[in-house]
C-alpha atoms as a PDB file:
ATOM      1  CA  UNK A   1       0.000   0.000   0.000  1.00  0.00           C
ATOM      2  CA  UNK A   2       1.274   3.504   0.800  1.00  0.00           C
ATOM      3  CA  UNK A   3       3.737   2.888   3.617  1.00  0.00           C
ATOM      4  CA  UNK A   4       6.179   5.777   3.221  1.00  0.00           C
ATOM      5  CA  UNK A   5       3.525   8.285   2.186  1.00  0.00           C
ATOM      6  CA  UNK A   6       1.312   7.122   5.049  1.00  0.00           C
ATOM      7  CA  UNK A   7       4.111   7.789   7.527  1.00  0.00           C
ATOM      8  CA  UNK A   8       4.664  11.203   5.972  1.00  0.00           C
ATOM      9  CA  UNK A   9       0.937  11.991   6.060  1.00  0.00           C
ATOM     10  CA  UNK A  10       0.923  11.370   9.801  1.00  0.00           C
ATOM     11  CA  UNK A  11       3.433  14.200  10.235  1.00  0.00           C
ATOM     12  CA  UNK A  12       1.142  16.798   8.630  1.00  0.00           C
ATOM     13  CA  UNK A  13       0.013  19.592  10.941  1.00  0.00           C
ATOM     14  CA  UNK A  14      -3.646  19.793  11.940  1.00  0.00           C
ATOM     15  CA  UNK A  15      -4.309  22.757   9.632  1.00  0.00           C
ATOM     16  CA  UNK A  16      -3.455  20.463   6.688  1.00  0.00           C
ATOM     17  CA  UNK A  17      -5.964  17.768   7.634  1.00  0.00           C
ATOM     18  CA  UNK A  18      -7.761  18.044   4.281  1.00  0.00           C
ATOM     19  CA  UNK A  19      -4.497  17.562   2.399  1.00  0.00           C
ATOM     20  CA  UNK A  20      -3.637  14.631   4.644  1.00  0.00           C
ATOM     21  CA  UNK A  21      -6.925  12.968   3.704  1.00  0.00           C
ATOM     22  CA  UNK A  22      -6.638  13.852   0.025  1.00  0.00           C
ATOM     23  CA  UNK A  23      -3.095  12.503  -0.322  1.00  0.00           C
ATOM     24  CA  UNK A  24      -4.128   8.893   0.074  1.00  0.00           C
ATOM     25  CA  UNK A  25      -7.423   9.370  -1.749  1.00  0.00           C
ATOM     26  CA  UNK A  26      -5.979  10.674  -5.004  1.00  0.00           C
ATOM     27  CA  UNK A  27      -3.694   7.672  -5.255  1.00  0.00           C
ATOM     28  CA  UNK A  28      -6.369   5.065  -4.591  1.00  0.00           C
ATOM     29  CA  UNK A  29      -9.589   6.486  -6.061  1.00  0.00           C
ATOM     30  CA  UNK A  30      -8.627   7.134  -9.673  1.00  0.00           C
ATOM     31  CA  UNK A  31      -9.525   6.380 -13.276  1.00  0.00           C
ATOM     32  CA  UNK A  32      -5.808   6.248 -14.103  1.00  0.00           C
ATOM     33  CA  UNK A  33      -3.826   3.055 -14.506  1.00  0.00           C
ATOM     34  CA  UNK A  34      -1.340   2.155 -11.788  1.00  0.00           C
ATOM     35  CA  UNK A  35       1.563   3.308 -13.977  1.00  0.00           C
ATOM     36  CA  UNK A  36      -0.162   6.601 -14.781  1.00  0.00           C
ATOM     37  CA  UNK A  37      -1.130   7.248 -11.172  1.00  0.00           C
ATOM     38  CA  UNK A  38       2.363   6.626  -9.814  1.00  0.00           C
ATOM     39  CA  UNK A  39       4.085   8.357 -12.741  1.00  0.00           C
ATOM     40  CA  UNK A  40       2.041  11.500 -12.127  1.00  0.00           C
ATOM     41  CA  UNK A  41       2.757  11.239  -8.393  1.00  0.00           C
ATOM     42  CA  UNK A  42       6.519  10.911  -8.910  1.00  0.00           C
ATOM     43  CA  UNK A  43       6.667  13.726 -11.480  1.00  0.00           C
ATOM     44  CA  UNK A  44       4.570  15.935  -9.191  1.00  0.00           C
ATOM     45  CA  UNK A  45       6.664  15.182  -6.117  1.00  0.00           C
ATOM     46  CA  UNK A  46       9.838  16.084  -8.007  1.00  0.00           C
ATOM     47  CA  UNK A  47       8.243  19.259  -9.394  1.00  0.00           C
ATOM     48  CA  UNK A  48       7.143  20.346  -5.923  1.00  0.00           C
ATOM     49  CA  UNK A  49      10.751  20.365  -4.774  1.00  0.00           C
ATOM     50  CA  UNK A  50      10.073  18.789  -1.382  1.00  0.00           C
ATOM     51  CA  UNK A  51      12.771  16.244  -0.490  1.00  0.00           C
ATOM     52  CA  UNK A  52      10.532  14.526   2.087  1.00  0.00           C
ATOM     53  CA  UNK A  53       7.623  14.193  -0.321  1.00  0.00           C
ATOM     54  CA  UNK A  54       9.870  13.049  -3.154  1.00  0.00           C
ATOM     55  CA  UNK A  55      11.583  10.354  -1.105  1.00  0.00           C
ATOM     56  CA  UNK A  56       8.326   8.979   0.320  1.00  0.00           C
ATOM     57  CA  UNK A  57       6.704   8.961  -3.115  1.00  0.00           C
ATOM     58  CA  UNK A  58       9.672   7.210  -4.704  1.00  0.00           C
ATOM     59  CA  UNK A  59       9.769   4.595  -1.938  1.00  0.00           C
ATOM     60  CA  UNK A  60       6.113   3.714  -2.477  1.00  0.00           C
ATOM     61  CA  UNK A  61       6.250   3.991  -6.275  1.00  0.00           C
ATOM     62  CA  UNK A  62       9.105   1.483  -6.399  1.00  0.00           C
ATOM     63  CA  UNK A  63       6.742  -1.073  -4.842  1.00  0.00           C
ATOM     64  CA  UNK A  64       4.060  -0.532  -7.484  1.00  0.00           C
ATOM     65  CA  UNK A  65       5.649   0.223 -10.870  1.00  0.00           C
ATOM     66  CA  UNK A  66       8.525  -0.665 -13.142  1.00  0.00           C
ATOM     67  CA  UNK A  67      11.614   1.580 -12.816  1.00  0.00           C
ATOM     68  CA  UNK A  68      10.945   2.804 -16.376  1.00  0.00           C
ATOM     69  CA  UNK A  69       7.809   4.597 -15.132  1.00  0.00           C
ATOM     70  CA  UNK A  70       9.836   6.364 -12.450  1.00  0.00           C
ATOM     71  CA  UNK A  71      12.537   7.256 -14.962  1.00  0.00           C
ATOM     72  CA  UNK A  72      10.007   8.766 -17.386  1.00  0.00           C
ATOM     73  CA  UNK A  73       8.308  10.670 -14.581  1.00  0.00           C
ATOM     74  CA  UNK A  74      11.644  12.138 -13.516  1.00  0.00           C
ATOM     75  CA  UNK A  75      12.520  13.006 -17.109  1.00  0.00           C
ATOM     76  CA  UNK A  76       9.150  14.732 -17.562  1.00  0.00           C
ATOM     77  CA  UNK A  77       9.663  16.721 -14.348  1.00  0.00           C
ATOM     78  CA  UNK A  78      13.082  18.017 -15.337  1.00  0.00           C
ATOM     79  CA  UNK A  79      12.178  18.750 -18.956  1.00  0.00           C
ATOM     80  CA  UNK A  80       9.090  20.633 -17.874  1.00  0.00           C
ATOM     81  CA  UNK A  81      11.177  22.619 -15.368  1.00  0.00           C
ATOM     82  CA  UNK A  82      12.942  24.022 -18.420  1.00  0.00           C
ATOM     83  CA  UNK A  83      10.052  24.173 -20.885  1.00  0.00           C
ATOM     84  CA  UNK A  84       7.542  25.676 -18.481  1.00  0.00           C
ATOM     85  CA  UNK A  85       9.843  28.624 -17.789  1.00  0.00           C
ATOM     86  CA  UNK A  86      10.600  29.152 -21.464  1.00  0.00           C
ATOM     87  CA  UNK A  87       7.032  28.877 -22.775  1.00  0.00           C
ATOM     88  CA  UNK A  88       5.493  30.707 -19.825  1.00  0.00           C
ATOM     89  CA  UNK A  89       7.839  33.619 -20.589  1.00  0.00           C
ATOM     90  CA  UNK A  90       6.769  33.666 -24.241  1.00  0.00           C
ATOM     91  CA  UNK A  91       3.122  33.565 -23.218  1.00  0.00           C
ATOM     92  CA  UNK A  92       3.465  36.283 -20.571  1.00  0.00           C
ATOM     93  CA  UNK A  93       5.430  38.680 -22.777  1.00  0.00           C
ATOM     94  CA  UNK A  94       2.940  38.108 -25.606  1.00  0.00           C
ATOM     95  CA  UNK A  95       5.141  39.490 -28.358  1.00  0.00           C
ATOM     96  CA  UNK A  96       4.772  37.724 -31.703  1.00  0.00           C
ATOM     97  CA  UNK A  97       8.500  38.185 -32.361  1.00  0.00           C
ATOM     98  CA  UNK A  98       9.388  35.706 -29.582  1.00  0.00           C
ATOM     99  CA  UNK A  99       7.108  33.125 -31.178  1.00  0.00           C
ATOM    100  CA  UNK A 100       9.252  33.200 -34.310  1.00  0.00           C
ATOM    101  CA  UNK A 101      12.481  32.453 -32.455  1.00  0.00           C
ATOM    102  CA  UNK A 102      13.468  28.783 -32.211  1.00  0.00           C
ATOM    103  CA  UNK A 103      13.750  27.558 -28.610  1.00  0.00           C
ATOM    104  CA  UNK A 104      16.982  25.653 -29.372  1.00  0.00           C
ATOM    105  CA  UNK A 105      16.379  23.600 -26.238  1.00  0.00           C
ATOM    106  CA  UNK A 106      16.910  19.849 -26.419  1.00  0.00           C
ATOM    107  CA  UNK A 107      13.763  17.850 -25.709  1.00  0.00           C
ATOM    108  CA  UNK A 108      14.569  14.529 -27.385  1.00  0.00           C
ATOM    109  CA  UNK A 109      13.414  12.505 -24.383  1.00  0.00           C
ATOM    110  CA  UNK A 110       9.834  13.604 -24.977  1.00  0.00           C
ATOM    111  CA  UNK A 111       9.894  11.796 -28.303  1.00  0.00           C
ATOM    112  CA  UNK A 112      11.666   8.717 -26.923  1.00  0.00           C
ATOM    113  CA  UNK A 113      10.132   7.816 -23.555  1.00  0.00           C
ATOM    114  CA  UNK A 114      10.931   4.478 -21.946  1.00  0.00           C
ATOM    115  CA  UNK A 115       7.219   3.817 -21.336  1.00  0.00           C
ATOM    116  CA  UNK A 116       4.586   5.348 -23.622  1.00  0.00           C
ATOM    117  CA  UNK A 117       4.278   8.740 -25.290  1.00  0.00           C
ATOM    118  CA  UNK A 118       0.810   9.219 -23.799  1.00  0.00           C
ATOM    119  CA  UNK A 119       1.963   8.523 -20.240  1.00  0.00           C
ATOM    120  CA  UNK A 120       4.985  10.813 -20.652  1.00  0.00           C
ATOM    121  CA  UNK A 121       2.658  13.566 -21.877  1.00  0.00           C
ATOM    122  CA  UNK A 122       0.348  12.945 -18.897  1.00  0.00           C
ATOM    123  CA  UNK A 123       3.274  13.353 -16.479  1.00  0.00           C
ATOM    124  CA  UNK A 124       4.294  16.500 -18.359  1.00  0.00           C
ATOM    125  CA  UNK A 125       0.762  17.870 -18.070  1.00  0.00           C
ATOM    126  CA  UNK A 126       0.766  17.424 -14.292  1.00  0.00           C
ATOM    127  CA  UNK A 127       4.109  19.176 -13.903  1.00  0.00           C
ATOM    128  CA  UNK A 128       3.048  21.983 -16.243  1.00  0.00           C
ATOM    129  CA  UNK A 129      -0.055  22.535 -14.128  1.00  0.00           C
ATOM    130  CA  UNK A 130       2.092  22.746 -10.988  1.00  0.00           C
ATOM    131  CA  UNK A 131       4.360  25.280 -12.674  1.00  0.00           C
ATOM    132  CA  UNK A 132       1.414  27.247 -14.053  1.00  0.00           C
ATOM    133  CA  UNK A 133       2.417  27.200 -17.716  1.00  0.00           C
ATOM    134  CA  UNK A 134      -0.794  27.746 -19.668  1.00  0.00           C
ATOM    135  CA  UNK A 135       0.824  27.105 -23.043  1.00  0.00           C
ATOM    136  CA  UNK A 136       2.249  23.763 -21.931  1.00  0.00           C
ATOM    137  CA  UNK A 137      -0.930  22.708 -20.115  1.00  0.00           C
ATOM    138  CA  UNK A 138      -3.005  23.336 -23.243  1.00  0.00           C
ATOM    139  CA  UNK A 139      -0.504  21.556 -25.474  1.00  0.00           C
ATOM    140  CA  UNK A 140      -0.143  18.413 -23.324  1.00  0.00           C
ATOM    141  CA  UNK A 141      -3.876  18.180 -22.634  1.00  0.00           C
ATOM    142  CA  UNK A 142      -4.625  18.375 -26.367  1.00  0.00           C
ATOM    143  CA  UNK A 143      -2.095  15.626 -27.172  1.00  0.00           C
ATOM    144  CA  UNK A 144      -3.314  13.156 -24.559  1.00  0.00           C
ATOM    145  CA  UNK A 145      -7.014  13.705 -25.204  1.00  0.00           C
ATOM    146  CA  UNK A 146      -6.238  13.250 -28.910  1.00  0.00           C
ATOM    147  CA  UNK A 147      -4.761   9.864 -28.014  1.00  0.00           C
ATOM    148  CA  UNK A 148      -7.827   8.671 -26.120  1.00  0.00           C
ATOM    149  CA  UNK A 149      -7.173   9.836 -22.560  1.00  0.00           C
ATOM    150  CA  UNK A 150     -10.517  10.843 -21.088  1.00  0.00           C
ATOM    151  CA  UNK A 151     -11.302  14.103 -19.339  1.00  0.00           C
ATOM    152  CA  UNK A 152     -11.883  12.074 -16.169  1.00  0.00           C
ATOM    153  CA  UNK A 153      -8.337  10.755 -16.422  1.00  0.00           C
ATOM    154  CA  UNK A 154      -6.967  14.248 -17.050  1.00  0.00           C
ATOM    155  CA  UNK A 155      -8.931  15.484 -14.046  1.00  0.00           C
ATOM    156  CA  UNK A 156      -7.529  12.681 -11.870  1.00  0.00           C
ATOM    157  CA  UNK A 157      -3.970  13.503 -12.929  1.00  0.00           C
ATOM    158  CA  UNK A 158      -4.476  17.148 -12.034  1.00  0.00           C
ATOM    159  CA  UNK A 159      -6.051  16.158  -8.702  1.00  0.00           C
ATOM    160  CA  UNK A 160      -2.829  14.285  -7.905  1.00  0.00           C
ATOM    161  CA  UNK A 161      -0.664  17.239  -8.967  1.00  0.00           C
ATOM    162  CA  UNK A 162      -2.734  19.709  -6.932  1.00  0.00           C
ATOM    163  CA  UNK A 163      -2.697  17.523  -3.833  1.00  0.00           C
ATOM    164  CA  UNK A 164       1.046  16.892  -4.058  1.00  0.00           C
ATOM    165  CA  UNK A 165       1.650  20.610  -4.417  1.00  0.00           C
ATOM    166  CA  UNK A 166      -0.444  21.258  -1.308  1.00  0.00           C
ATOM    167  CA  UNK A 167       1.313  18.436   0.567  1.00  0.00           C
ATOM    168  CA  UNK A 168       4.687  20.038  -0.191  1.00  0.00           C
ATOM    169  CA  UNK A 169       3.366  23.308   1.214  1.00  0.00           C
ATOM    170  CA  UNK A 170       2.082  21.584   4.340  1.00  0.00           C
ATOM    171  CA  UNK A 171       5.496  20.028   4.917  1.00  0.00           C
ATOM    172  CA  UNK A 172       7.306  23.356   4.624  1.00  0.00           C
ATOM    173  CA  UNK A 173       4.808  25.673   6.329  1.00  0.00           C
ATOM    174  CA  UNK A 174       6.803  25.443   9.538  1.00  0.00           C
ATOM    175  CA  UNK A 175       3.995  26.262  11.952  1.00  0.00           C
END
């Protein structure tokens, strides 16, 4: 089950009770496959930059999925750390001239995931939502829905991302 995350959940302060309850719920009550659920969780935990959350998530994920899922989730998290900054800048500045400039940023891993393209895009969507990159969120959502991922599955992935982001905040609130 969720041994490491369960231990971590128990350390949450009282003001984060809702997040404590949601953290186990989003990983058990989901329309996503096991690989998708844990891949989104790992990518989200990395994106949230909380060492405690990342380590607990990785410990539990290793019990449930192939290492390739974890590797793709990590790759999605680090690529989106770069892409979300770049494309969010272009969106925020809103100058057509920036849209004509090539990014010249390597993103080969997106085209060659170790699992599936759809799952990699789903992990990328979750991280892009955490980072607040509208351009990337729209792009990844369009790709995965175009490949048969349902809106319920997209919603479940974003529920995981949102809850992991809140869990990271609860762990660092310091109250």
